[in-house]
Amino acid sequence: MDAATTATAEEEVTRLEDLPESCVAHVLALTSPRDACRFAAVSPSFREAAESDAVWDRFLPPDCRAILLRCCSGRPPPLSSKKDAYLRLSDGAVLVDDGDTAVWLARGSGAKCVALSARKLSLPWDDGEFSWRWTAHPRSRFAEVALLVHCTSLDIYGRLPAAALTPGTDYAAYLVFDVADEGHRGLSFPDQETTVAVGGRAASRHAVCLRPDDDEACKFRGVARADGDDGVRRPARREDRWWEMEMGRVRIDEAMAVKEEEVMVTFEVLEWYPKRGLIVEAVEFRPV
């Protein structure tokens, strides 16, 4: 190959910076928000494409504007770009539905996360209006939490349209809770159960225990001490100092939204005895 041919071949090579921004943006939109941010460091041309509305519009949920319009402040915050909207929804939860529901995006994937406050849940009232007390809590993102004063039958239900979550995503549901400073009772026995169902079909069911306490269980029920390998799920402490219990998992698909199916989660104590001291903040749905 002579020098002229070599020069011609070199001229025909397409470099990254030679690609149209729209072409680069189309490719980046097929990745993920995390990947788009990484590609922005590759070159100036990638940076411009990675910042474009064409890319971040693909990462935003279709109902992004509706979510912002439902914001309890009454009007959406000013946003300069689609990326700005994405960062707004992934930096922190937006309170909608009169402040009783929180919605945000998982930073890495863009999948929607939803938290139903205690006000959006069905709580037992078998002992009349004195079963629960609604009160403010300094660590809650909602105006009120539900404090269990006294009940014998404890079952908590939450419902969410499948269409409110991101299709093609595996979700876990969590009961977010704490216990009263003055103590609790009836939350330490291994006869608690959670269920996650879609369209009436149980997707998962687990034995759980919100406040594992062998001493209380043995004192009130004569239950033998557990070694932690009994198959009963236990709660985890969060960074915001609430406790959370994974209630189960479900995969959301397009058909569920088309059929207008609901995701239903339940927490139930299977036996009747006095219970008190549980503080219910929310049920959260987050991508796995």
C-alpha atoms as a PDB file:
ATOM      1  CA  MET A   1       0.000   0.000   0.000  1.00  0.00           C
ATOM      2  CA  ASP A   2       1.550   3.315  -1.074  1.00  0.00           C
ATOM      3  CA  ALA A   3       1.552   6.496   0.994  1.00  0.00           C
ATOM      4  CA  ALA A   4      -1.409   8.021  -0.854  1.00  0.00           C
ATOM      5  CA  THR A   5      -3.594   4.958  -0.220  1.00  0.00           C
ATOM      6  CA  THR A   6      -2.600   4.920   3.435  1.00  0.00           C
ATOM      7  CA  ALA A   7      -3.496   8.582   3.843  1.00  0.00           C
ATOM      8  CA  THR A   8      -6.859   8.025   2.179  1.00  0.00           C
ATOM      9  CA  ALA A   9      -7.637   5.087   4.496  1.00  0.00           C
ATOM     10  CA  GLU A  10      -6.741   7.169   7.525  1.00  0.00           C
ATOM     11  CA  GLU A  11      -9.036   9.953   6.337  1.00  0.00           C
ATOM     12  CA  GLU A  12     -11.937   7.503   6.012  1.00  0.00           C
ATOM     13  CA  VAL A  13     -11.663   6.329   9.636  1.00  0.00           C
ATOM     14  CA  THR A  14     -14.570   7.704  11.690  1.00  0.00           C
ATOM     15  CA  ARG A  15     -13.548   8.861  15.144  1.00  0.00           C
ATOM     16  CA  LEU A  16     -15.833   9.180  18.144  1.00  0.00           C
ATOM     17  CA  GLU A  17     -15.836  12.932  17.928  1.00  0.00           C
ATOM     18  CA  ASP A  18     -16.931  12.662  14.274  1.00  0.00           C
ATOM     19  CA  LEU A  19     -20.251  11.031  15.189  1.00  0.00           C
ATOM     20  CA  PRO A  20     -23.299  13.321  15.264  1.00  0.00           C
ATOM     21  CA  GLU A  21     -24.431  14.198  18.770  1.00  0.00           C
ATOM     22  CA  SER A  22     -27.875  12.755  18.033  1.00  0.00           C
ATOM     23  CA  CYS A  23     -26.281   9.403  17.179  1.00  0.00           C
ATOM     24  CA  VAL A  24     -24.255   9.316  20.395  1.00  0.00           C
ATOM     25  CA  ALA A  25     -27.314  10.386  22.396  1.00  0.00           C
ATOM     26  CA  HIS A  26     -29.365   7.561  20.900  1.00  0.00           C
ATOM     27  CA  VAL A  27     -26.753   5.023  21.990  1.00  0.00           C
ATOM     28  CA  LEU A  28     -26.444   6.471  25.496  1.00  0.00           C
ATOM     29  CA  ALA A  29     -30.231   6.428  25.905  1.00  0.00           C
ATOM     30  CA  LEU A  30     -30.089   2.643  25.515  1.00  0.00           C
ATOM     31  CA  THR A  31     -27.829   2.299  28.564  1.00  0.00           C
ATOM     32  CA  SER A  32     -28.635   3.493  32.098  1.00  0.00           C
ATOM     33  CA  PRO A  33     -28.384   6.763  34.035  1.00  0.00           C
ATOM     34  CA  ARG A  34     -25.248   5.515  35.768  1.00  0.00           C
ATOM     35  CA  ASP A  35     -23.623   4.559  32.462  1.00  0.00           C
ATOM     36  CA  ALA A  36     -24.567   7.871  30.848  1.00  0.00           C
ATOM     37  CA  CYS A  37     -22.773   9.736  33.627  1.00  0.00           C
ATOM     38  CA  ARG A  38     -19.690   7.554  33.147  1.00  0.00           C
ATOM     39  CA  PHE A  39     -19.649   8.094  29.386  1.00  0.00           C
ATOM     40  CA  ALA A  40     -19.757  11.852  29.956  1.00  0.00           C
ATOM     41  CA  ALA A  41     -16.123  11.610  31.063  1.00  0.00           C
ATOM     42  CA  VAL A  42     -14.968   9.963  27.820  1.00  0.00           C
ATOM     43  CA  SER A  43     -14.812  13.054  25.603  1.00  0.00           C
ATOM     44  CA  PRO A  44     -16.394  16.504  25.149  1.00  0.00           C
ATOM     45  CA  SER A  45     -18.691  15.140  22.421  1.00  0.00           C
ATOM     46  CA  PHE A  46     -19.904  12.364  24.737  1.00  0.00           C
ATOM     47  CA  ARG A  47     -20.377  14.894  27.524  1.00  0.00           C
ATOM     48  CA  GLU A  48     -22.671  17.056  25.419  1.00  0.00           C
ATOM     49  CA  ALA A  49     -24.731  14.047  24.337  1.00  0.00           C
ATOM     50  CA  ALA A  50     -24.897  12.681  27.887  1.00  0.00           C
ATOM     51  CA  GLU A  51     -26.354  15.977  29.102  1.00  0.00           C
ATOM     52  CA  SER A  52     -29.001  16.180  26.380  1.00  0.00           C
ATOM     53  CA  ASP A  53     -32.748  15.973  26.948  1.00  0.00           C
ATOM     54  CA  ALA A  54     -32.924  13.157  24.380  1.00  0.00           C
ATOM     55  CA  VAL A  55     -30.948  10.893  26.731  1.00  0.00           C
ATOM     56  CA  TRP A  56     -32.561  11.787  30.044  1.00  0.00           C
ATOM     57  CA  ASP A  57     -36.074  11.746  28.640  1.00  0.00           C
ATOM     58  CA  ARG A  58     -35.599   7.989  28.130  1.00  0.00           C
ATOM     59  CA  PHE A  59     -34.619   7.538  31.782  1.00  0.00           C
ATOM     60  CA  LEU A  60     -37.579   9.460  33.191  1.00  0.00           C
ATOM     61  CA  PRO A  61     -40.854   7.592  33.812  1.00  0.00           C
ATOM     62  CA  PRO A  62     -43.642   8.416  31.311  1.00  0.00           C
ATOM     63  CA  ASP A  63     -45.687   9.992  34.110  1.00  0.00           C
ATOM     64  CA  CYS A  64     -42.839  12.183  35.366  1.00  0.00           C
ATOM     65  CA  ARG A  65     -44.738  15.406  34.706  1.00  0.00           C
ATOM     66  CA  ALA A  66     -47.874  14.008  36.338  1.00  0.00           C
ATOM     67  CA  ILE A  67     -45.837  13.077  39.430  1.00  0.00           C
ATOM     68  CA  LEU A  68     -44.428  16.587  39.700  1.00  0.00           C
ATOM     69  CA  LEU A  69     -47.872  18.103  39.163  1.00  0.00           C
ATOM     70  CA  ARG A  70     -49.228  15.935  41.994  1.00  0.00           C
ATOM     71  CA  CYS A  71     -46.602  17.358  44.317  1.00  0.00           C
ATOM     72  CA  CYS A  72     -48.255  18.446  47.554  1.00  0.00           C
ATOM     73  CA  SER A  73     -46.811  21.939  47.122  1.00  0.00           C
ATOM     74  CA  GLY A  74     -49.376  22.445  44.358  1.00  0.00           C
ATOM     75  CA  ARG A  75     -46.957  23.289  41.580  1.00  0.00           C
ATOM     76  CA  PRO A  76     -43.838  21.559  40.242  1.00  0.00           C
ATOM     77  CA  PRO A  77     -40.424  23.082  40.979  1.00  0.00           C
ATOM     78  CA  PRO A  78     -38.682  24.939  38.129  1.00  0.00           C
ATOM     79  CA  LEU A  79     -36.497  22.540  36.136  1.00  0.00           C
ATOM     80  CA  SER A  80     -33.916  23.551  33.559  1.00  0.00           C
ATOM     81  CA  SER A  81     -33.577  20.201  31.756  1.00  0.00           C
ATOM     82  CA  LYS A  82     -34.647  16.567  31.687  1.00  0.00           C
ATOM     83  CA  LYS A  83     -31.503  15.663  33.632  1.00  0.00           C
ATOM     84  CA  ASP A  84     -32.460  18.267  36.229  1.00  0.00           C
ATOM     85  CA  ALA A  85     -35.869  16.591  36.540  1.00  0.00           C
ATOM     86  CA  TYR A  86     -34.187  13.198  36.928  1.00  0.00           C
ATOM     87  CA  LEU A  87     -31.847  14.457  39.627  1.00  0.00           C
ATOM     88  CA  ARG A  88     -34.770  16.132  41.401  1.00  0.00           C
ATOM     89  CA  LEU A  89     -36.664  12.851  41.569  1.00  0.00           C
ATOM     90  CA  SER A  90     -33.640  10.744  42.513  1.00  0.00           C
ATOM     91  CA  ASP A  91     -32.163  13.119  45.121  1.00  0.00           C
ATOM     92  CA  GLY A  92     -35.198  12.862  47.366  1.00  0.00           C
ATOM     93  CA  ALA A  93     -38.815  11.820  47.535  1.00  0.00           C
ATOM     94  CA  VAL A  94     -41.603  14.007  46.172  1.00  0.00           C
ATOM     95  CA  LEU A  95     -44.719  13.996  48.343  1.00  0.00           C
ATOM     96  CA  VAL A  96     -47.915  13.576  46.335  1.00  0.00           C
ATOM     97  CA  ASP A  97     -51.587  12.806  47.046  1.00  0.00           C
ATOM     98  CA  ASP A  98     -51.896  15.466  49.760  1.00  0.00           C
ATOM     99  CA  GLY A  99     -48.572  14.366  51.239  1.00  0.00           C
ATOM    100  CA  ASP A 100     -49.651  10.776  51.936  1.00  0.00           C
ATOM    101  CA  THR A 101     -47.486   9.143  49.233  1.00  0.00           C
ATOM    102  CA  ALA A 102     -43.785   9.577  48.470  1.00  0.00           C
ATOM    103  CA  VAL A 103     -42.349   8.939  44.996  1.00  0.00           C
ATOM    104  CA  TRP A 104     -38.718   8.974  43.903  1.00  0.00           C
ATOM    105  CA  LEU A 105     -36.375   7.312  41.396  1.00  0.00           C
ATOM    106  CA  ALA A 106     -33.638   4.792  42.084  1.00  0.00           C
ATOM    107  CA  ARG A 107     -30.517   6.778  41.207  1.00  0.00           C
ATOM    108  CA  GLY A 108     -28.724   4.055  39.234  1.00  0.00           C
ATOM    109  CA  SER A 109     -31.593   2.588  37.220  1.00  0.00           C
ATOM    110  CA  GLY A 110     -34.362   5.209  37.096  1.00  0.00           C
ATOM    111  CA  ALA A 111     -36.952   2.709  38.376  1.00  0.00           C
ATOM    112  CA  LYS A 112     -39.749   4.281  40.400  1.00  0.00           C
ATOM    113  CA  CYS A 113     -39.875   3.861  44.165  1.00  0.00           C
ATOM    114  CA  VAL A 114     -43.099   4.446  46.091  1.00  0.00           C
ATOM    115  CA  ALA A 115     -43.832   4.756  49.800  1.00  0.00           C
ATOM    116  CA  LEU A 116     -47.405   4.579  51.083  1.00  0.00           C
ATOM    117  CA  SER A 117     -47.737   6.415  54.384  1.00  0.00           C
ATOM    118  CA  ALA A 118     -49.606   4.905  57.312  1.00  0.00           C
ATOM    119  CA  ARG A 119     -52.595   7.027  56.253  1.00  0.00           C
ATOM    120  CA  LYS A 120     -52.731   5.084  52.958  1.00  0.00           C
ATOM    121  CA  LEU A 121     -52.729   1.691  54.705  1.00  0.00           C
ATOM    122  CA  SER A 122     -55.594  -0.320  56.173  1.00  0.00           C
ATOM    123  CA  LEU A 123     -55.070  -0.709  59.921  1.00  0.00           C
ATOM    124  CA  PRO A 124     -57.137  -2.830  62.327  1.00  0.00           C
ATOM    125  CA  TRP A 125     -59.636  -1.037  64.521  1.00  0.00           C
ATOM    126  CA  ASP A 126     -61.027  -4.006  66.446  1.00  0.00           C
ATOM    127  CA  ASP A 127     -60.822  -2.112  69.752  1.00  0.00           C
ATOM    128  CA  GLY A 128     -62.471   1.028  68.458  1.00  0.00           C
ATOM    129  CA  GLU A 129     -60.944   4.444  67.904  1.00  0.00           C
ATOM    130  CA  PHE A 130     -58.404   3.909  70.667  1.00  0.00           C
ATOM    131  CA  SER A 131     -56.500   1.161  68.816  1.00  0.00           C
ATOM    132  CA  TRP A 132     -54.219   3.667  67.068  1.00  0.00           C
ATOM    133  CA  ARG A 133     -53.123   7.209  67.709  1.00  0.00           C
ATOM    134  CA  TRP A 134     -52.065   9.500  64.878  1.00  0.00           C
ATOM    135  CA  THR A 135     -49.061  11.570  65.791  1.00  0.00           C
ATOM    136  CA  ALA A 136     -46.194  13.544  64.263  1.00  0.00           C
ATOM    137  CA  HIS A 137     -42.746  11.966  64.317  1.00  0.00           C
ATOM    138  CA  PRO A 138     -39.465  13.911  64.017  1.00  0.00           C
ATOM    139  CA  ARG A 139     -37.874  11.338  61.700  1.00  0.00           C
ATOM    140  CA  SER A 140     -40.827  10.735  59.396  1.00  0.00           C
ATOM    141  CA  ARG A 141     -41.112  12.217  55.915  1.00  0.00           C
ATOM    142  CA  PHE A 142     -44.894  12.255  56.389  1.00  0.00           C
ATOM    143  CA  ALA A 143     -47.012  14.541  58.544  1.00  0.00           C
ATOM    144  CA  GLU A 144     -48.251  11.680  60.712  1.00  0.00           C
ATOM    145  CA  VAL A 145     -47.417   8.132  61.705  1.00  0.00           C
ATOM    146  CA  ALA A 146     -49.674   5.550  63.367  1.00  0.00           C
ATOM    147  CA  LEU A 147     -48.877   4.498  66.934  1.00  0.00           C
ATOM    148  CA  LEU A 148     -50.482   1.261  68.123  1.00  0.00           C
ATOM    149  CA  VAL A 149     -52.048   1.919  71.526  1.00  0.00           C
ATOM    150  CA  HIS A 150     -53.736  -1.436  72.001  1.00  0.00           C
ATOM    151  CA  CYS A 151     -55.229  -4.226  69.918  1.00  0.00           C
ATOM    152  CA  THR A 152     -55.539  -7.991  69.899  1.00  0.00           C
ATOM    153  CA  SER A 153     -55.950  -8.598  66.160  1.00  0.00           C
ATOM    154  CA  LEU A 154     -53.121  -7.010  64.171  1.00  0.00           C
ATOM    155  CA  ASP A 155     -53.168  -7.041  60.387  1.00  0.00           C
ATOM    156  CA  ILE A 156     -51.935  -4.264  58.099  1.00  0.00           C
ATOM    157  CA  TYR A 157     -52.820  -4.028  54.398  1.00  0.00           C
ATOM    158  CA  GLY A 158     -51.443  -1.878  51.609  1.00  0.00           C
ATOM    159  CA  ARG A 159     -52.551  -1.620  47.956  1.00  0.00           C
ATOM    160  CA  LEU A 160     -50.790  -0.056  44.980  1.00  0.00           C
ATOM    161  CA  PRO A 161     -51.675  -0.183  41.264  1.00  0.00           C
ATOM    162  CA  ALA A 162     -49.042  -2.175  39.387  1.00  0.00           C
ATOM    163  CA  ALA A 163     -49.007   0.671  36.850  1.00  0.00           C
ATOM    164  CA  ALA A 164     -47.512   2.939  39.528  1.00  0.00           C
ATOM    165  CA  LEU A 165     -44.282   0.919  39.394  1.00  0.00           C
ATOM    166  CA  THR A 166     -41.744   0.418  36.592  1.00  0.00           C
ATOM    167  CA  PRO A 167     -42.470  -2.514  34.221  1.00  0.00           C
ATOM    168  CA  GLY A 168     -39.803  -5.159  33.757  1.00  0.00           C
ATOM    169  CA  THR A 169     -38.508  -4.581  37.278  1.00  0.00           C
ATOM    170  CA  ASP A 170     -38.171  -6.819  40.332  1.00  0.00           C
ATOM    171  CA  TYR A 171     -39.479  -5.085  43.449  1.00  0.00           C
ATOM    172  CA  ALA A 172     -39.279  -5.735  47.159  1.00  0.00           C
ATOM    173  CA  ALA A 173     -41.897  -4.385  49.567  1.00  0.00           C
ATOM    174  CA  TYR A 174     -40.821  -3.203  53.026  1.00  0.00           C
ATOM    175  CA  LEU A 175     -42.736  -2.369  56.178  1.00  0.00           C
ATOM    176  CA  VAL A 176     -41.049   0.722  57.667  1.00  0.00           C
ATOM    177  CA  PHE A 177     -41.603   0.943  61.422  1.00  0.00           C
ATOM    178  CA  ASP A 178     -40.264   1.656  64.898  1.00  0.00           C
ATOM    179  CA  VAL A 179     -41.431   1.073  68.452  1.00  0.00           C
ATOM    180  CA  ALA A 180     -42.577   3.569  71.066  1.00  0.00           C
ATOM    181  CA  ASP A 181     -40.074   4.938  73.588  1.00  0.00           C
ATOM    182  CA  GLU A 182     -42.271   3.653  76.400  1.00  0.00           C
ATOM    183  CA  GLY A 183     -41.879   0.116  75.061  1.00  0.00           C
ATOM    184  CA  HIS A 184     -43.840  -2.476  73.164  1.00  0.00           C
ATOM    185  CA  ARG A 185     -45.625  -5.748  73.709  1.00  0.00           C
ATOM    186  CA  GLY A 186     -46.702  -8.639  71.491  1.00  0.00           C
ATOM    187  CA  LEU A 187     -44.245  -7.934  68.670  1.00  0.00           C
ATOM    188  CA  SER A 188     -41.592 -10.490  69.619  1.00  0.00           C
ATOM    189  CA  PHE A 189     -43.378 -13.763  68.987  1.00  0.00           C
ATOM    190  CA  PRO A 190     -42.566 -15.916  65.911  1.00  0.00           C
ATOM    191  CA  ASP A 191     -46.117 -16.063  64.595  1.00  0.00           C
ATOM    192  CA  GLN A 192     -46.051 -13.083  62.238  1.00  0.00           C
ATOM    193  CA  GLU A 193     -46.476 -13.390  58.479  1.00  0.00           C
ATOM    194  CA  THR A 194     -46.131 -11.159  55.431  1.00  0.00           C
ATOM    195  CA  THR A 195     -47.611 -11.685  51.975  1.00  0.00           C
ATOM    196  CA  VAL A 196     -47.153  -9.946  48.634  1.00  0.00           C
ATOM    197  CA  ALA A 197     -49.795 -10.655  45.984  1.00  0.00           C
ATOM    198  CA  VAL A 198     -50.677  -9.357  42.520  1.00  0.00           C
ATOM    199  CA  GLY A 199     -54.197  -9.592  41.169  1.00  0.00           C
ATOM    200  CA  GLY A 200     -55.132 -11.844  44.069  1.00  0.00           C
ATOM    201  CA  ARG A 201     -52.280 -14.288  43.335  1.00  0.00           C
ATOM    202  CA  ALA A 202     -49.753 -14.658  46.133  1.00  0.00           C
ATOM    203  CA  ALA A 203     -46.256 -13.928  44.836  1.00  0.00           C
ATOM    204  CA  SER A 204     -44.429 -14.537  48.119  1.00  0.00           C
ATOM    205  CA  ARG A 205     -45.174 -15.328  51.760  1.00  0.00           C
ATOM    206  CA  HIS A 206     -42.745 -15.221  54.674  1.00  0.00           C
ATOM    207  CA  ALA A 207     -42.618 -15.790  58.416  1.00  0.00           C
ATOM    208  CA  VAL A 208     -41.227 -12.657  60.083  1.00  0.00           C
ATOM    209  CA  CYS A 209     -40.656 -11.146  63.521  1.00  0.00           C
ATOM    210  CA  LEU A 210     -40.621  -7.366  63.905  1.00  0.00           C
ATOM    211  CA  ARG A 211     -38.906  -7.228  67.299  1.00  0.00           C
ATOM    212  CA  PRO A 212     -36.992 -10.453  67.963  1.00  0.00           C
ATOM    213  CA  ASP A 213     -36.737 -10.762  71.730  1.00  0.00           C
ATOM    214  CA  ASP A 214     -36.267 -14.258  73.111  1.00  0.00           C
ATOM    215  CA  ASP A 215     -36.755 -13.116  76.712  1.00  0.00           C
ATOM    216  CA  GLU A 216     -40.186 -11.610  76.012  1.00  0.00           C
ATOM    217  CA  ALA A 217     -41.244 -14.539  73.844  1.00  0.00           C
ATOM    218  CA  CYS A 218     -40.242 -17.010  76.560  1.00  0.00           C
ATOM    219  CA  LYS A 219     -41.887 -14.958  79.310  1.00  0.00           C
ATOM    220  CA  PHE A 220     -45.268 -14.546  77.652  1.00  0.00           C
ATOM    221  CA  ARG A 221     -45.512 -17.634  75.502  1.00  0.00           C
ATOM    222  CA  GLY A 222     -43.019 -20.166  76.814  1.00  0.00           C
ATOM    223  CA  VAL A 223     -41.349 -20.146  73.396  1.00  0.00           C
ATOM    224  CA  ALA A 224     -37.916 -21.701  73.216  1.00  0.00           C
ATOM    225  CA  ARG A 225     -35.007 -19.443  72.348  1.00  0.00           C
ATOM    226  CA  ALA A 226     -34.302 -19.094  68.651  1.00  0.00           C
ATOM    227  CA  ASP A 227     -30.793 -19.468  67.240  1.00  0.00           C
ATOM    228  CA  GLY A 228     -31.412 -17.171  64.261  1.00  0.00           C
ATOM    229  CA  ASP A 229     -31.597 -20.076  61.789  1.00  0.00           C
ATOM    230  CA  ASP A 230     -35.306 -20.770  62.182  1.00  0.00           C
ATOM    231  CA  GLY A 231     -36.320 -19.376  58.788  1.00  0.00           C
ATOM    232  CA  VAL A 232     -37.996 -16.342  60.371  1.00  0.00           C
ATOM    233  CA  ARG A 233     -37.077 -13.026  58.746  1.00  0.00           C
ATOM    234  CA  ARG A 234     -35.793 -10.264  60.986  1.00  0.00           C
ATOM    235  CA  PRO A 235     -35.754  -6.479  60.461  1.00  0.00           C
ATOM    236  CA  ALA A 236     -32.817  -4.298  59.421  1.00  0.00           C
ATOM    237  CA  ARG A 237     -31.883  -0.878  60.745  1.00  0.00           C
ATOM    238  CA  ARG A 238     -31.844   1.889  58.119  1.00  0.00           C
ATOM    239  CA  GLU A 239     -29.610   4.923  57.837  1.00  0.00           C
ATOM    240  CA  ASP A 240     -32.565   7.138  58.784  1.00  0.00           C
ATOM    241  CA  ARG A 241     -32.883   5.066  61.997  1.00  0.00           C
ATOM    242  CA  TRP A 242     -36.199   3.494  61.060  1.00  0.00           C
ATOM    243  CA  TRP A 243     -36.465  -0.285  60.982  1.00  0.00           C
ATOM    244  CA  GLU A 244     -37.608  -2.086  57.866  1.00  0.00           C
ATOM    245  CA  MET A 245     -38.865  -5.618  57.288  1.00  0.00           C
ATOM    246  CA  GLU A 246     -38.813  -7.062  53.787  1.00  0.00           C
ATOM    247  CA  MET A 247     -42.339  -8.329  53.207  1.00  0.00           C
ATOM    248  CA  GLY A 248     -41.682 -10.094  49.906  1.00  0.00           C
ATOM    249  CA  ARG A 249     -40.833  -9.602  46.238  1.00  0.00           C
ATOM    250  CA  VAL A 250     -42.700  -9.368  42.976  1.00  0.00           C
ATOM    251  CA  ARG A 251     -41.797  -8.776  39.343  1.00  0.00           C
ATOM    252  CA  ILE A 252     -43.798  -6.065  37.595  1.00  0.00           C
ATOM    253  CA  ASP A 253     -44.564  -6.530  33.892  1.00  0.00           C
ATOM    254  CA  GLU A 254     -46.518  -4.621  31.257  1.00  0.00           C
ATOM    255  CA  ALA A 255     -49.471  -7.032  31.386  1.00  0.00           C
ATOM    256  CA  MET A 256     -50.165  -6.139  35.022  1.00  0.00           C
ATOM    257  CA  ALA A 257     -50.606  -2.486  34.104  1.00  0.00           C
ATOM    258  CA  VAL A 258     -52.780  -3.295  31.088  1.00  0.00           C
ATOM    259  CA  LYS A 259     -55.033  -5.474  33.257  1.00  0.00           C
ATOM    260  CA  GLU A 260     -55.080  -2.733  35.936  1.00  0.00           C
ATOM    261  CA  GLU A 261     -53.956  -5.226  38.548  1.00  0.00           C
ATOM    262  CA  GLU A 262     -53.038  -4.207  42.088  1.00  0.00           C
ATOM    263  CA  VAL A 263     -50.069  -5.190  44.199  1.00  0.00           C
ATOM    264  CA  MET A 264     -51.278  -6.007  47.701  1.00  0.00           C
ATOM    265  CA  VAL A 265     -49.038  -6.427  50.740  1.00  0.00           C
ATOM    266  CA  THR A 266     -50.058  -7.635  54.180  1.00  0.00           C
ATOM    267  CA  PHE A 267     -48.517  -7.993  57.605  1.00  0.00           C
ATOM    268  CA  GLU A 268     -50.423 -10.163  60.048  1.00  0.00           C
ATOM    269  CA  VAL A 269     -49.965 -11.540  63.536  1.00  0.00           C
ATOM    270  CA  LEU A 270     -51.611 -14.938  63.438  1.00  0.00           C
ATOM    271  CA  GLU A 271     -52.745 -15.186  67.071  1.00  0.00           C
ATOM    272  CA  TRP A 272     -54.853 -13.014  69.352  1.00  0.00           C
ATOM    273  CA  TYR A 273     -53.176 -11.423  72.384  1.00  0.00           C
ATOM    274  CA  PRO A 274     -52.543  -7.851  73.552  1.00  0.00           C
ATOM    275  CA  LYS A 275     -50.187  -5.813  71.396  1.00  0.00           C
ATOM    276  CA  ARG A 276     -48.957  -2.233  71.693  1.00  0.00           C
ATOM    277  CA  GLY A 277     -46.105   0.117  70.926  1.00  0.00           C
ATOM    278  CA  LEU A 278     -45.728  -0.397  67.165  1.00  0.00           C
ATOM    279  CA  ILE A 279     -45.128   2.777  65.134  1.00  0.00           C
ATOM    280  CA  VAL A 280     -46.050   2.369  61.460  1.00  0.00           C
ATOM    281  CA  GLU A 281     -44.474   4.921  59.114  1.00  0.00           C
ATOM    282  CA  ALA A 282     -44.986   3.431  55.651  1.00  0.00           C
ATOM    283  CA  VAL A 283     -44.825   0.539  53.222  1.00  0.00           C
ATOM    284  CA  GLU A 284     -42.130   1.047  50.588  1.00  0.00           C
ATOM    285  CA  PHE A 285     -41.768  -0.516  47.146  1.00  0.00           C
ATOM    286  CA  ARG A 286     -38.167  -0.408  45.901  1.00  0.00           C
ATOM    287  CA  PRO A 287     -36.401  -2.143  42.990  1.00  0.00           C
ATOM    288  CA  VAL A 288     -34.235  -5.091  43.990  1.00  0.00           C
END
